[in-house]
C-alpha atoms as a PDB file:
ATOM      1  CA  MET A   1      39.208  93.320  39.433  1.00  0.00           C
ATOM      2  CA  LEU A   2      42.745  93.523  40.826  1.00  0.00           C
ATOM      3  CA  GLU A   3      41.657  91.510  43.869  1.00  0.00           C
ATOM      4  CA  LYS A   4      40.252  88.763  41.618  1.00  0.00           C
ATOM      5  CA  THR A   5      43.412  88.726  39.505  1.00  0.00           C
ATOM      6  CA  THR A   6      45.584  88.430  42.612  1.00  0.00           C
ATOM      7  CA  ARG A   7      43.422  85.597  43.962  1.00  0.00           C
ATOM      8  CA  ILE A   8      43.502  83.700  40.667  1.00  0.00           C
ATOM      9  CA  ASN A   9      47.281  84.141  40.485  1.00  0.00           C
ATOM     10  CA  TYR A  10      47.653  82.623  43.953  1.00  0.00           C
ATOM     11  CA  LEU A  11      45.276  79.776  43.147  1.00  0.00           C
ATOM     12  CA  TYR A  12      47.179  79.145  39.928  1.00  0.00           C
ATOM     13  CA  ASP A  13      50.460  79.012  41.892  1.00  0.00           C
ATOM     14  CA  PHE A  14      49.026  76.454  44.299  1.00  0.00           C
ATOM     15  CA  TYR A  15      47.127  74.255  41.847  1.00  0.00           C
ATOM     16  CA  TYR A  16      48.760  74.660  38.418  1.00  0.00           C
ATOM     17  CA  SER A  17      50.108  71.103  38.481  1.00  0.00           C
ATOM     18  CA  LEU A  18      46.509  69.845  38.541  1.00  0.00           C
ATOM     19  CA  LEU A  19      45.734  71.602  35.251  1.00  0.00           C
ATOM     20  CA  THR A  20      46.250  70.336  31.728  1.00  0.00           C
ATOM     21  CA  PRO A  21      49.150  71.815  29.723  1.00  0.00           C
ATOM     22  CA  LYS A  22      46.677  73.830  27.627  1.00  0.00           C
ATOM     23  CA  GLN A  23      44.969  75.225  30.734  1.00  0.00           C
ATOM     24  CA  GLN A  24      48.352  76.077  32.239  1.00  0.00           C
ATOM     25  CA  SER A  25      49.394  77.861  29.076  1.00  0.00           C
ATOM     26  CA  TYR A  26      46.170  79.880  28.680  1.00  0.00           C
ATOM     27  CA  MET A  27      46.157  80.921  32.339  1.00  0.00           C
ATOM     28  CA  SER A  28      49.843  81.805  32.300  1.00  0.00           C
ATOM     29  CA  LEU A  29      49.498  83.909  29.177  1.00  0.00           C
ATOM     30  CA  TYR A  30      46.318  85.633  30.365  1.00  0.00           C
ATOM     31  CA  TYR A  31      47.117  86.271  34.026  1.00  0.00           C
ATOM     32  CA  LEU A  32      50.908  86.305  34.242  1.00  0.00           C
ATOM     33  CA  ASP A  33      51.947  87.642  30.841  1.00  0.00           C
ATOM     34  CA  ASP A  34      48.920  89.932  30.407  1.00  0.00           C
ATOM     35  CA  TYR A  35      47.982  88.663  26.948  1.00  0.00           C
ATOM     36  CA  SER A  36      44.537  89.572  25.645  1.00  0.00           C
ATOM     37  CA  LEU A  37      42.021  86.896  24.702  1.00  0.00           C
ATOM     38  CA  GLY A  38      42.586  87.819  21.060  1.00  0.00           C
ATOM     39  CA  GLU A  39      46.355  87.411  21.343  1.00  0.00           C
ATOM     40  CA  ILE A  40      45.999  83.979  22.939  1.00  0.00           C
ATOM     41  CA  ALA A  41      43.434  82.962  20.306  1.00  0.00           C
ATOM     42  CA  GLU A  42      45.815  84.028  17.549  1.00  0.00           C
ATOM     43  CA  GLU A  43      48.714  82.155  19.156  1.00  0.00           C
ATOM     44  CA  TYR A  44      46.722  78.893  19.356  1.00  0.00           C
ATOM     45  CA  GLU A  45      44.687  79.426  16.192  1.00  0.00           C
ATOM     46  CA  VAL A  46      41.352  79.124  17.999  1.00  0.00           C
ATOM     47  CA  SER A  47      38.476  81.520  18.506  1.00  0.00           C
ATOM     48  CA  ARG A  48      38.512  84.217  21.150  1.00  0.00           C
ATOM     49  CA  GLN A  49      35.386  82.598  22.613  1.00  0.00           C
ATOM     50  CA  ALA A  50      37.202  79.256  22.962  1.00  0.00           C
ATOM     51  CA  VAL A  51      39.967  80.946  24.943  1.00  0.00           C
ATOM     52  CA  TYR A  52      37.444  82.804  27.113  1.00  0.00           C
ATOM     53  CA  ASP A  53      35.492  79.594  27.838  1.00  0.00           C
ATOM     54  CA  ASN A  54      38.663  77.695  28.696  1.00  0.00           C
ATOM     55  CA  ILE A  55      39.857  80.415  31.072  1.00  0.00           C
ATOM     56  CA  LYS A  56      36.461  80.659  32.813  1.00  0.00           C
ATOM     57  CA  ARG A  57      36.261  76.868  33.226  1.00  0.00           C
ATOM     58  CA  THR A  58      39.802  76.803  34.574  1.00  0.00           C
ATOM     59  CA  GLU A  59      39.045  79.610  37.049  1.00  0.00           C
ATOM     60  CA  ALA A  60      36.050  77.593  38.292  1.00  0.00           C
ATOM     61  CA  MET A  61      38.241  74.498  38.625  1.00  0.00           C
ATOM     62  CA  LEU A  62      40.814  76.439  40.650  1.00  0.00           C
ATOM     63  CA  GLU A  63      38.055  77.667  42.981  1.00  0.00           C
ATOM     64  CA  GLU A  64      36.788  74.086  43.393  1.00  0.00           C
ATOM     65  CA  TYR A  65      40.280  72.853  44.250  1.00  0.00           C
ATOM     66  CA  GLU A  66      40.567  75.605  46.842  1.00  0.00           C
ATOM     67  CA  GLU A  67      37.177  74.699  48.347  1.00  0.00           C
ATOM     68  CA  LYS A  68      38.390  71.144  48.866  1.00  0.00           C
ATOM     69  CA  LEU A  69      42.077  71.585  49.700  1.00  0.00           C
ATOM     70  CA  LEU A  70      42.203  75.071  51.295  1.00  0.00           C
ATOM     71  CA  LEU A  71      45.874  75.607  50.444  1.00  0.00           C
ATOM     72  CA  PHE A  72      45.457  79.331  49.769  1.00  0.00           C
ATOM     73  CA  GLN A  73      43.348  79.887  52.893  1.00  0.00           C
ATOM     74  CA  LYS A  74      45.932  78.123  55.058  1.00  0.00           C
ATOM     75  CA  PHE A  75      48.689  80.153  53.401  1.00  0.00           C
ATOM     76  CA  GLN A  76      46.856  83.388  54.264  1.00  0.00           C
ATOM     77  CA  GLU A  77      46.276  82.280  57.862  1.00  0.00           C
ATOM     78  CA  ARG A  78      49.906  81.199  58.253  1.00  0.00           C
ATOM     79  CA  THR A  79      51.121  84.508  56.811  1.00  0.00           C
ATOM     80  CA  LYS A  80      48.920  86.478  59.234  1.00  0.00           C
ATOM     81  CA  LEU A  81      50.092  84.484  62.256  1.00  0.00           C
ATOM     82  CA  ILE A  82      53.741  84.975  61.306  1.00  0.00           C
ATOM     83  CA  ARG A  83      53.197  88.704  60.701  1.00  0.00           C
ATOM     84  CA  ASP A  84      51.472  89.064  64.093  1.00  0.00           C
ATOM     85  CA  LEU A  85      54.230  87.081  65.783  1.00  0.00           C
ATOM     86  CA  LYS A  86      56.931  89.306  64.285  1.00  0.00           C
ATOM     87  CA  ALA A  87      55.050  92.432  65.356  1.00  0.00           C
ATOM     88  CA  SER A  88      54.739  91.132  68.920  1.00  0.00           C
ATOM     89  CA  ILE A  89      58.433  90.276  69.020  1.00  0.00           C
ATOM     90  CA  ASN A  90      59.356  93.748  67.763  1.00  0.00           C
ATOM     91  CA  LEU A  91      57.134  95.382  70.384  1.00  0.00           C
ATOM     92  CA  GLY A  92      58.614  93.162  73.080  1.00  0.00           C
ATOM     93  CA  ASN A  93      55.224  92.210  74.508  1.00  0.00           C
ATOM     94  CA  LEU A  94      55.286  88.482  73.851  1.00  0.00           C
ATOM     95  CA  SER A  95      54.705  86.149  76.768  1.00  0.00           C
ATOM     96  CA  LYS A  96      55.677  82.487  76.728  1.00  0.00           C
ATOM     97  CA  GLU A  97      51.978  81.557  76.683  1.00  0.00           C
ATOM     98  CA  ALA A  98      51.272  83.797  73.688  1.00  0.00           C
ATOM     99  CA  LEU A  99      54.257  82.339  71.845  1.00  0.00           C
ATOM    100  CA  LEU A 100      53.095  78.766  72.510  1.00  0.00           C
ATOM    101  CA  GLU A 101      49.560  79.655  71.445  1.00  0.00           C
ATOM    102  CA  THR A 102      50.811  81.070  68.136  1.00  0.00           C
ATOM    103  CA  VAL A 103      52.993  77.998  67.510  1.00  0.00           C
ATOM    104  CA  THR A 104      49.982  75.768  68.235  1.00  0.00           C
ATOM    105  CA  GLU A 105      47.899  77.728  65.735  1.00  0.00           C
ATOM    106  CA  LEU A 106      50.625  77.344  63.128  1.00  0.00           C
ATOM    107  CA  GLU A 107      50.809  73.598  63.768  1.00  0.00           C
ATOM    108  CA  LYS A 108      47.059  73.258  63.252  1.00  0.00           C
ATOM    109  CA  LEU A 109      47.453  74.609  59.713  1.00  0.00           C
ATOM    110  CA  ASP A 110      49.602  71.662  58.624  1.00  0.00           C
END
């Protein structure tokens, strides 16, 4: 569950501007502010089921955006390459060829 929440939070960060204000608000309250479905429903004077349906639809939309745009995947790959590069630098076992290869991989992500 924590893994899903973390993923949705990242997807929300990347794609929130593509959501409607209502979707942004529901997702922010549910995932970032840890509101319950009932609390959100009370705040917006709608049913708990309406909130649940909206959140599930929005989650599906975020996954679709990621399938097409791959912003989160590229972020993860870029983060891994940078982490590996820093580790190699700290260990002092980085050749010029390895450095150029890592830079090339980073460039491919843009």
